[in-house]
PDB file of N, CA and C in Angstrom:
ATOM      1  N   MET A   1     -69.836 -29.919-157.835  1.00  0.00           N
ATOM      2  CA  MET A   1     -70.697 -31.106-157.790  1.00  0.00           C
ATOM      3  C   MET A   1     -72.016 -30.926-156.843  1.00  0.00           C
ATOM      4  N   ALA A   2     -73.136 -31.104-157.534  1.00  0.00           N
ATOM      5  CA  ALA A   2     -74.513 -30.673-156.952  1.00  0.00           C
ATOM      6  C   ALA A   2     -74.777 -31.749-155.965  1.00  0.00           C
ATOM      7  N   LYS A   3     -75.270 -30.827-154.689  1.00  0.00           N
ATOM      8  CA  LYS A   3     -75.771 -31.486-153.564  1.00  0.00           C
ATOM      9  C   LYS A   3     -77.047 -32.360-153.936  1.00  0.00           C
ATOM     10  N   GLU A   4     -76.932 -33.588-153.082  1.00  0.00           N
ATOM     11  CA  GLU A   4     -78.344 -34.365-153.233  1.00  0.00           C
ATOM     12  C   GLU A   4     -79.527 -33.465-152.721  1.00  0.00           C
ATOM     13  N   PRO A   5     -80.550 -33.570-152.922  1.00  0.00           N
ATOM     14  CA  PRO A   5     -81.617 -32.885-152.220  1.00  0.00           C
ATOM     15  C   PRO A   5     -82.056 -33.584-150.871  1.00  0.00           C
ATOM     16  N   LYS A   6     -82.354 -32.826-149.903  1.00  0.00           N
ATOM     17  CA  LYS A   6     -82.692 -33.492-148.668  1.00  0.00           C
ATOM     18  C   LYS A   6     -83.983 -34.206-148.717  1.00  0.00           C
ATOM     19  N   ARG A   7     -83.712 -35.195-148.422  1.00  0.00           N
ATOM     20  CA  ARG A   7     -84.962 -36.380-148.402  1.00  0.00           C
ATOM     21  C   ARG A   7     -85.561 -36.340-146.911  1.00  0.00           C
ATOM     22  N   PRO A   8     -87.043 -36.520-146.995  1.00  0.00           N
ATOM     23  CA  PRO A   8     -87.673 -36.744-145.613  1.00  0.00           C
ATOM     24  C   PRO A   8     -87.366 -37.919-144.723  1.00  0.00           C
ATOM     25  N   GLU A   9     -87.430 -37.786-143.532  1.00  0.00           N
ATOM     26  CA  GLU A   9     -87.119 -38.913-142.707  1.00  0.00           C
ATOM     27  C   GLU A   9     -88.305 -39.633-142.841  1.00  0.00           C
ATOM     28  N   ILE A  10     -88.377 -41.092-143.249  1.00  0.00           N
ATOM     29  CA  ILE A  10     -89.765 -41.811-143.184  1.00  0.00           C
ATOM     30  C   ILE A  10     -89.658 -42.907-142.282  1.00  0.00           C
ATOM     31  N   PRO A  11     -90.657 -42.821-141.686  1.00  0.00           N
ATOM     32  CA  PRO A  11     -90.843 -43.963-140.307  1.00  0.00           C
ATOM     33  C   PRO A  11     -90.785 -45.438-140.992  1.00  0.00           C
ATOM     34  N   ASP A  12     -90.148 -46.263-140.238  1.00  0.00           N
ATOM     35  CA  ASP A  12     -89.789 -47.735-141.046  1.00  0.00           C
ATOM     36  C   ASP A  12     -91.412 -48.281-141.201  1.00  0.00           C
ATOM     37  N   HIS A  13     -92.300 -48.048-140.323  1.00  0.00           N
ATOM     38  CA  HIS A  13     -93.450 -48.567-140.540  1.00  0.00           C
ATOM     39  C   HIS A  13     -94.298 -48.494-141.830  1.00  0.00           C
ATOM     40  N   LEU A  14     -93.934 -46.987-142.366  1.00  0.00           N
ATOM     41  CA  LEU A  14     -94.351 -46.963-143.673  1.00  0.00           C
ATOM     42  C   LEU A  14     -94.015 -47.423-144.836  1.00  0.00           C
ATOM     43  N   VAL A  15     -92.602 -47.865-144.670  1.00  0.00           N
ATOM     44  CA  VAL A  15     -91.839 -48.751-145.720  1.00  0.00           C
ATOM     45  C   VAL A  15     -92.423 -50.129-145.677  1.00  0.00           C
ATOM     46  N   ALA A  16     -92.508 -50.419-144.507  1.00  0.00           N
ATOM     47  CA  ALA A  16     -93.134 -51.940-144.426  1.00  0.00           C
ATOM     48  C   ALA A  16     -94.623 -52.030-144.939  1.00  0.00           C
ATOM     49  N   LEU A  17     -95.086 -51.192-144.642  1.00  0.00           N
ATOM     50  CA  LEU A  17     -96.626 -50.862-145.339  1.00  0.00           C
ATOM     51  C   LEU A  17     -96.345 -50.971-146.819  1.00  0.00           C
ATOM     52  N   GLN A  18     -95.502 -50.278-147.377  1.00  0.00           N
ATOM     53  CA  GLN A  18     -95.342 -50.221-149.032  1.00  0.00           C
ATOM     54  C   GLN A  18     -94.746 -51.507-149.099  1.00  0.00           C
ATOM     55  N   ARG A  19     -93.931 -51.896-148.733  1.00  0.00           N
ATOM     56  CA  ARG A  19     -93.399 -53.532-149.068  1.00  0.00           C
ATOM     57  C   ARG A  19     -94.307 -54.506-149.056  1.00  0.00           C
ATOM     58  N   ALA A  20     -95.338 -54.231-148.072  1.00  0.00           N
ATOM     59  CA  ALA A  20     -96.502 -55.533-147.931  1.00  0.00           C
ATOM     60  C   ALA A  20     -97.455 -55.147-149.272  1.00  0.00           C
ATOM     61  N   SER A  21     -97.665 -53.837-149.393  1.00  0.00           N
ATOM     62  CA  SER A  21     -98.664 -53.675-150.778  1.00  0.00           C
ATOM     63  C   SER A  21     -97.761 -54.105-151.769  1.00  0.00           C
ATOM     64  N   ASP A  22     -96.575 -53.808-152.087  1.00  0.00           N
ATOM     65  CA  ASP A  22     -95.967 -54.369-153.376  1.00  0.00           C
ATOM     66  C   ASP A  22     -95.925 -55.965-153.426  1.00  0.00           C
ATOM     67  N   ALA A  23     -95.658 -56.628-152.315  1.00  0.00           N
ATOM     68  CA  ALA A  23     -95.608 -58.031-152.297  1.00  0.00           C
ATOM     69  C   ALA A  23     -97.039 -58.654-152.653  1.00  0.00           C
ATOM     70  N   ALA A  24     -98.282 -57.899-151.883  1.00  0.00           N
ATOM     71  CA  ALA A  24     -99.462 -58.357-152.267  1.00  0.00           C
ATOM     72  C   ALA A  24     -99.955 -58.224-153.825  1.00  0.00           C
ATOM     73  N   HIS A  25     -99.225 -56.993-154.572  1.00  0.00           N
ATOM     74  CA  HIS A  25     -99.846 -56.809-155.637  1.00  0.00           C
ATOM     75  C   HIS A  25     -99.116 -57.763-156.554  1.00  0.00           C
ATOM     76  N   ARG A  26     -97.668 -58.109-156.409  1.00  0.00           N
ATOM     77  CA  ARG A  26     -96.817 -59.375-157.238  1.00  0.00           C
ATOM     78  C   ARG A  26     -97.597 -60.612-156.964  1.00  0.00           C
ATOM     79  N   GLU A  27     -98.218 -60.933-155.946  1.00  0.00           N
ATOM     80  CA  GLU A  27     -98.858 -62.228-155.603  1.00  0.00           C
ATOM     81  C   GLU A  27    -100.303 -62.242-156.620  1.00  0.00           C
ATOM     82  N   VAL A  28    -101.177 -61.036-156.505  1.00  0.00           N
ATOM     83  CA  VAL A  28    -102.380 -61.122-157.112  1.00  0.00           C
ATOM     84  C   VAL A  28    -102.174 -61.126-158.770  1.00  0.00           C
ATOM     85  N   THR A  29    -100.953 -60.635-159.237  1.00  0.00           N
ATOM     86  CA  THR A  29    -100.808 -60.352-160.475  1.00  0.00           C
ATOM     87  C   THR A  29    -100.658 -61.841-161.291  1.00  0.00           C
ATOM     88  N   GLN A  30    -100.207 -62.713-160.402  1.00  0.00           N
ATOM     89  CA  GLN A  30     -99.901 -64.021-160.957  1.00  0.00           C
ATOM     90  C   GLN A  30    -101.026 -64.785-161.273  1.00  0.00           C
ATOM     91  N   GLU A  31    -102.299 -64.326-160.907  1.00  0.00           N
ATOM     92  CA  GLU A  31    -103.380 -65.193-161.352  1.00  0.00           C
ATOM     93  C   GLU A  31    -104.492 -64.209-162.240  1.00  0.00           C
ATOM     94  N   PRO A  32    -105.481 -64.680-162.927  1.00  0.00           N
ATOM     95  CA  PRO A  32    -106.240 -64.056-163.449  1.00  0.00           C
ATOM     96  C   PRO A  32    -107.041 -62.933-162.711  1.00  0.00           C
ATOM     97  N   TYR A  33    -107.443 -61.916-163.136  1.00  0.00           N
ATOM     98  CA  TYR A  33    -108.143 -60.831-162.216  1.00  0.00           C
ATOM     99  C   TYR A  33    -109.351 -61.281-161.857  1.00  0.00           C
ATOM    100  N   THR A  34    -109.738 -61.179-160.263  1.00  0.00           N
ATOM    101  CA  THR A  34    -111.270 -61.408-160.071  1.00  0.00           C
ATOM    102  C   THR A  34    -111.279 -60.348-158.770  1.00  0.00           C
ATOM    103  N   PRO A  35    -112.340 -59.657-158.637  1.00  0.00           N
ATOM    104  CA  PRO A  35    -112.392 -58.776-157.410  1.00  0.00           C
ATOM    105  C   PRO A  35    -112.007 -59.370-156.067  1.00  0.00           C
ATOM    106  N   GLU A  36    -112.502 -60.580-155.871  1.00  0.00           N
ATOM    107  CA  GLU A  36    -112.226 -61.078-154.717  1.00  0.00           C
ATOM    108  C   GLU A  36    -110.626 -61.392-154.530  1.00  0.00           C
ATOM    109  N   GLY A  37    -109.974 -61.814-155.469  1.00  0.00           N
ATOM    110  CA  GLY A  37    -108.677 -62.089-155.358  1.00  0.00           C
ATOM    111  C   GLY A  37    -107.608 -60.991-155.356  1.00  0.00           C
ATOM    112  N   TRP A  38    -108.075 -59.778-155.881  1.00  0.00           N
ATOM    113  CA  TRP A  38    -107.291 -58.621-155.778  1.00  0.00           C
ATOM    114  C   TRP A  38    -107.663 -57.674-154.557  1.00  0.00           C
ATOM    115  N   GLN A  39    -108.496 -58.202-153.914  1.00  0.00           N
ATOM    116  CA  GLN A  39    -108.908 -57.297-152.573  1.00  0.00           C
ATOM    117  C   GLN A  39    -107.861 -57.151-151.423  1.00  0.00           C
ATOM    118  N   PRO A  40    -106.675 -58.339-151.482  1.00  0.00           N
ATOM    119  CA  PRO A  40    -105.600 -57.981-150.372  1.00  0.00           C
ATOM    120  C   PRO A  40    -104.766 -56.946-150.791  1.00  0.00           C
ATOM    121  N   TRP A  41    -104.572 -56.783-152.130  1.00  0.00           N
ATOM    122  CA  TRP A  41    -103.674 -55.925-152.507  1.00  0.00           C
ATOM    123  C   TRP A  41    -104.381 -54.483-152.428  1.00  0.00           C
ATOM    124  N   LEU A  42    -105.443 -54.286-152.995  1.00  0.00           N
ATOM    125  CA  LEU A  42    -106.590 -53.032-152.884  1.00  0.00           C
ATOM    126  C   LEU A  42    -106.330 -52.721-151.287  1.00  0.00           C
ATOM    127  N   THR A  43    -106.715 -53.597-150.448  1.00  0.00           N
ATOM    128  CA  THR A  43    -106.701 -53.340-149.019  1.00  0.00           C
ATOM    129  C   THR A  43    -105.173 -52.818-148.420  1.00  0.00           C
ATOM    130  N   ALA A  44    -104.052 -53.464-148.985  1.00  0.00           N
ATOM    131  CA  ALA A  44    -102.865 -53.227-148.321  1.00  0.00           C
ATOM    132  C   ALA A  44    -102.451 -51.636-149.051  1.00  0.00           C
ATOM    133  N   ALA A  45    -102.845 -51.535-150.436  1.00  0.00           N
ATOM    134  CA  ALA A  45    -102.572 -50.294-150.959  1.00  0.00           C
ATOM    135  C   ALA A  45    -103.302 -48.965-150.443  1.00  0.00           C
ATOM    136  N   ASP A  46    -104.605 -49.317-149.982  1.00  0.00           N
ATOM    137  CA  ASP A  46    -105.397 -48.409-149.016  1.00  0.00           C
ATOM    138  C   ASP A  46    -104.630 -47.881-147.792  1.00  0.00           C
ATOM    139  N   ALA A  47    -104.300 -49.090-147.196  1.00  0.00           N
ATOM    140  CA  ALA A  47    -103.560 -48.922-145.830  1.00  0.00           C
ATOM    141  C   ALA A  47    -102.256 -47.878-145.982  1.00  0.00           C
ATOM    142  N   VAL A  48    -101.211 -48.143-147.094  1.00  0.00           N
ATOM    143  CA  VAL A  48    -100.321 -47.499-147.157  1.00  0.00           C
ATOM    144  C   VAL A  48    -100.833 -45.650-147.635  1.00  0.00           C
ATOM    145  N   GLN A  49    -101.795 -45.563-148.279  1.00  0.00           N
ATOM    146  CA  GLN A  49    -102.230 -44.696-148.866  1.00  0.00           C
ATOM    147  C   GLN A  49    -102.481 -43.486-147.604  1.00  0.00           C
ATOM    148  N   GLN A  50    -103.330 -44.179-146.816  1.00  0.00           N
ATOM    149  CA  GLN A  50    -103.876 -43.470-145.773  1.00  0.00           C
ATOM    150  C   GLN A  50    -102.609 -43.115-144.667  1.00  0.00           C
ATOM    151  N   ALA A  51    -101.835 -43.954-144.433  1.00  0.00           N
ATOM    152  CA  ALA A  51    -100.771 -43.974-143.620  1.00  0.00           C
ATOM    153  C   ALA A  51     -99.792 -42.760-144.002  1.00  0.00           C
ATOM    154  N   VAL A  52     -99.541 -42.700-145.173  1.00  0.00           N
ATOM    155  CA  VAL A  52     -98.760 -41.731-145.985  1.00  0.00           C
ATOM    156  C   VAL A  52     -99.459 -40.284-145.801  1.00  0.00           C
ATOM    157  N   THR A  53    -100.754 -40.299-146.146  1.00  0.00           N
ATOM    158  CA  THR A  53    -101.444 -39.109-146.031  1.00  0.00           C
ATOM    159  C   THR A  53    -101.547 -38.380-144.578  1.00  0.00           C
ATOM    160  N   GLU A  54    -101.625 -39.376-143.338  1.00  0.00           N
ATOM    161  CA  GLU A  54    -101.528 -39.020-142.087  1.00  0.00           C
ATOM    162  C   GLU A  54    -100.383 -38.556-141.760  1.00  0.00           C
ATOM    163  N   TYR A  55     -99.260 -39.111-142.192  1.00  0.00           N
ATOM    164  CA  TYR A  55     -97.725 -38.825-142.011  1.00  0.00           C
ATOM    165  C   TYR A  55     -97.532 -37.473-142.761  1.00  0.00           C
ATOM    166  N   ALA A  56     -97.764 -37.208-143.789  1.00  0.00           N
ATOM    167  CA  ALA A  56     -97.539 -35.791-144.458  1.00  0.00           C
ATOM    168  C   ALA A  56     -98.438 -34.824-143.701  1.00  0.00           C
ATOM    169  N   ALA A  57     -99.623 -34.867-143.193  1.00  0.00           N
ATOM    170  CA  ALA A  57    -100.387 -34.142-142.646  1.00  0.00           C
ATOM    171  C   ALA A  57     -99.691 -33.595-141.358  1.00  0.00           C
ATOM    172  N   ALA A  58     -99.213 -34.505-140.378  1.00  0.00           N
ATOM    173  CA  ALA A  58     -98.518 -34.354-139.412  1.00  0.00           C
ATOM    174  C   ALA A  58     -97.115 -33.701-139.478  1.00  0.00           C
ATOM    175  N   ALA A  59     -96.448 -34.035-140.725  1.00  0.00           N
ATOM    176  CA  ALA A  59     -94.967 -33.629-140.561  1.00  0.00           C
ATOM    177  C   ALA A  59     -94.804 -32.526-141.085  1.00  0.00           C
ATOM    178  N   GLU A  60     -94.076 -31.600-140.730  1.00  0.00           N
ATOM    179  CA  GLU A  60     -93.594 -30.049-141.130  1.00  0.00           C
ATOM    180  C   GLU A  60     -92.663 -30.053-142.162  1.00  0.00           C
ATOM    181  N   LYS A  61     -92.778 -29.354-143.418  1.00  0.00           N
ATOM    182  CA  LYS A  61     -92.173 -29.457-144.481  1.00  0.00           C
ATOM    183  C   LYS A  61     -91.836 -30.477-145.336  1.00  0.00           C
ATOM    184  N   VAL A  62     -93.123 -31.363-145.381  1.00  0.00           N
ATOM    185  CA  VAL A  62     -93.032 -32.549-146.233  1.00  0.00           C
ATOM    186  C   VAL A  62     -94.469 -32.480-146.958  1.00  0.00           C
ATOM    187  N   THR A  63     -94.485 -32.619-148.303  1.00  0.00           N
ATOM    188  CA  THR A  63     -95.644 -32.447-148.988  1.00  0.00           C
ATOM    189  C   THR A  63     -95.903 -34.023-149.077  1.00  0.00           C
ATOM    190  N   ARG A  64     -97.325 -34.484-149.404  1.00  0.00           N
ATOM    191  CA  ARG A  64     -97.715 -35.668-149.585  1.00  0.00           C
ATOM    192  C   ARG A  64     -97.142 -36.564-150.549  1.00  0.00           C
ATOM    193  N   PRO A  65     -96.837 -35.834-151.749  1.00  0.00           N
ATOM    194  CA  PRO A  65     -96.302 -36.403-152.922  1.00  0.00           C
ATOM    195  C   PRO A  65     -94.900 -36.666-152.712  1.00  0.00           C
ATOM    196  N   GLU A  66     -94.235 -36.013-151.786  1.00  0.00           N
ATOM    197  CA  GLU A  66     -92.834 -36.180-151.654  1.00  0.00           C
ATOM    198  C   GLU A  66     -92.953 -37.291-150.600  1.00  0.00           C
ATOM    199  N   ALA A  67     -93.641 -37.367-149.484  1.00  0.00           N
ATOM    200  CA  ALA A  67     -93.560 -38.540-148.505  1.00  0.00           C
ATOM    201  C   ALA A  67     -93.829 -39.659-149.342  1.00  0.00           C
ATOM    202  N   GLU A  68     -94.706 -39.645-150.203  1.00  0.00           N
ATOM    203  CA  GLU A  68     -95.160 -41.085-150.997  1.00  0.00           C
ATOM    204  C   GLU A  68     -93.931 -41.630-152.043  1.00  0.00           C
ATOM    205  N   ALA A  69     -93.328 -40.588-152.525  1.00  0.00           N
ATOM    206  CA  ALA A  69     -92.271 -40.814-153.556  1.00  0.00           C
ATOM    207  C   ALA A  69     -91.163 -41.287-152.217  1.00  0.00           C
ATOM    208  N   GLU A  70     -90.940 -40.911-151.436  1.00  0.00           N
ATOM    209  CA  GLU A  70     -89.631 -41.349-150.632  1.00  0.00           C
ATOM    210  C   GLU A  70     -90.064 -42.817-150.055  1.00  0.00           C
ATOM    211  N   VAL A  71     -91.347 -43.082-149.503  1.00  0.00           N
ATOM    212  CA  VAL A  71     -91.659 -44.253-148.982  1.00  0.00           C
ATOM    213  C   VAL A  71     -91.422 -45.405-150.385  1.00  0.00           C
ATOM    214  N   LYS A  72     -91.771 -45.082-151.485  1.00  0.00           N
ATOM    215  CA  LYS A  72     -91.615 -45.925-152.568  1.00  0.00           C
ATOM    216  C   LYS A  72     -90.315 -46.270-152.972  1.00  0.00           C
ATOM    217  N   ARG A  73     -89.468 -45.143-153.024  1.00  0.00           N
ATOM    218  CA  ARG A  73     -87.951 -45.323-153.125  1.00  0.00           C
ATOM    219  C   ARG A  73     -87.381 -46.432-152.124  1.00  0.00           C
ATOM    220  N   LEU A  74     -87.765 -45.886-150.758  1.00  0.00           N
ATOM    221  CA  LEU A  74     -87.164 -46.799-149.743  1.00  0.00           C
ATOM    222  C   LEU A  74     -87.641 -48.166-149.903  1.00  0.00           C
ATOM    223  N   ALA A  75     -89.003 -48.512-150.166  1.00  0.00           N
ATOM    224  CA  ALA A  75     -89.364 -49.890-150.212  1.00  0.00           C
ATOM    225  C   ALA A  75     -88.667 -50.565-151.318  1.00  0.00           C
ATOM    226  N   ARG A  76     -88.738 -50.006-152.399  1.00  0.00           N
ATOM    227  CA  ARG A  76     -87.711 -50.594-153.524  1.00  0.00           C
ATOM    228  C   ARG A  76     -86.250 -50.907-153.460  1.00  0.00           C
ATOM    229  N   LEU A  77     -85.427 -50.001-152.454  1.00  0.00           N
ATOM    230  CA  LEU A  77     -84.188 -50.234-152.212  1.00  0.00           C
ATOM    231  C   LEU A  77     -84.315 -51.365-150.954  1.00  0.00           C
ATOM    232  N   ALA A  78     -85.208 -51.455-149.958  1.00  0.00           N
ATOM    233  CA  ALA A  78     -85.218 -52.617-149.165  1.00  0.00           C
ATOM    234  C   ALA A  78     -85.471 -53.818-149.933  1.00  0.00           C
ATOM    235  N   ASP A  79     -86.341 -53.788-150.841  1.00  0.00           N
ATOM    236  CA  ASP A  79     -86.559 -55.146-151.683  1.00  0.00           C
ATOM    237  C   ASP A  79     -85.483 -55.600-152.639  1.00  0.00           C
ATOM    238  N   GLU A  80     -84.603 -54.887-153.238  1.00  0.00           N
ATOM    239  CA  GLU A  80     -83.488 -54.943-153.829  1.00  0.00           C
ATOM    240  C   GLU A  80     -82.300 -55.421-152.900  1.00  0.00           C
ATOM    241  N   ALA A  81     -82.497 -55.026-151.615  1.00  0.00           N
ATOM    242  CA  ALA A  81     -81.162 -55.431-150.672  1.00  0.00           C
ATOM    243  C   ALA A  81     -81.545 -56.770-150.134  1.00  0.00           C
ATOM    244  N   SER A  82     -82.911 -57.132-150.278  1.00  0.00           N
ATOM    245  CA  SER A  82     -83.254 -58.438-149.551  1.00  0.00           C
ATOM    246  C   SER A  82     -83.155 -59.586-150.585  1.00  0.00           C
TER     247      SER A  82
END
């Protein structure tokens, strides 16, 4: 049986930021596009990207793409559980 790859430990605040960004995206896509209407999602998505970049830069042995993928995976799991 193959071992599951070791996943990076992701701080809860990164998952919370991703969940907020996902929620903002769901909300803005319910209405026709306007730059002002989409600004909350763009701001939330930018906050996630910046936080993941900072986390990956400070973490040892975790690349930014690995960190981002794990944040998104954990956020998805949390949303499915709620």
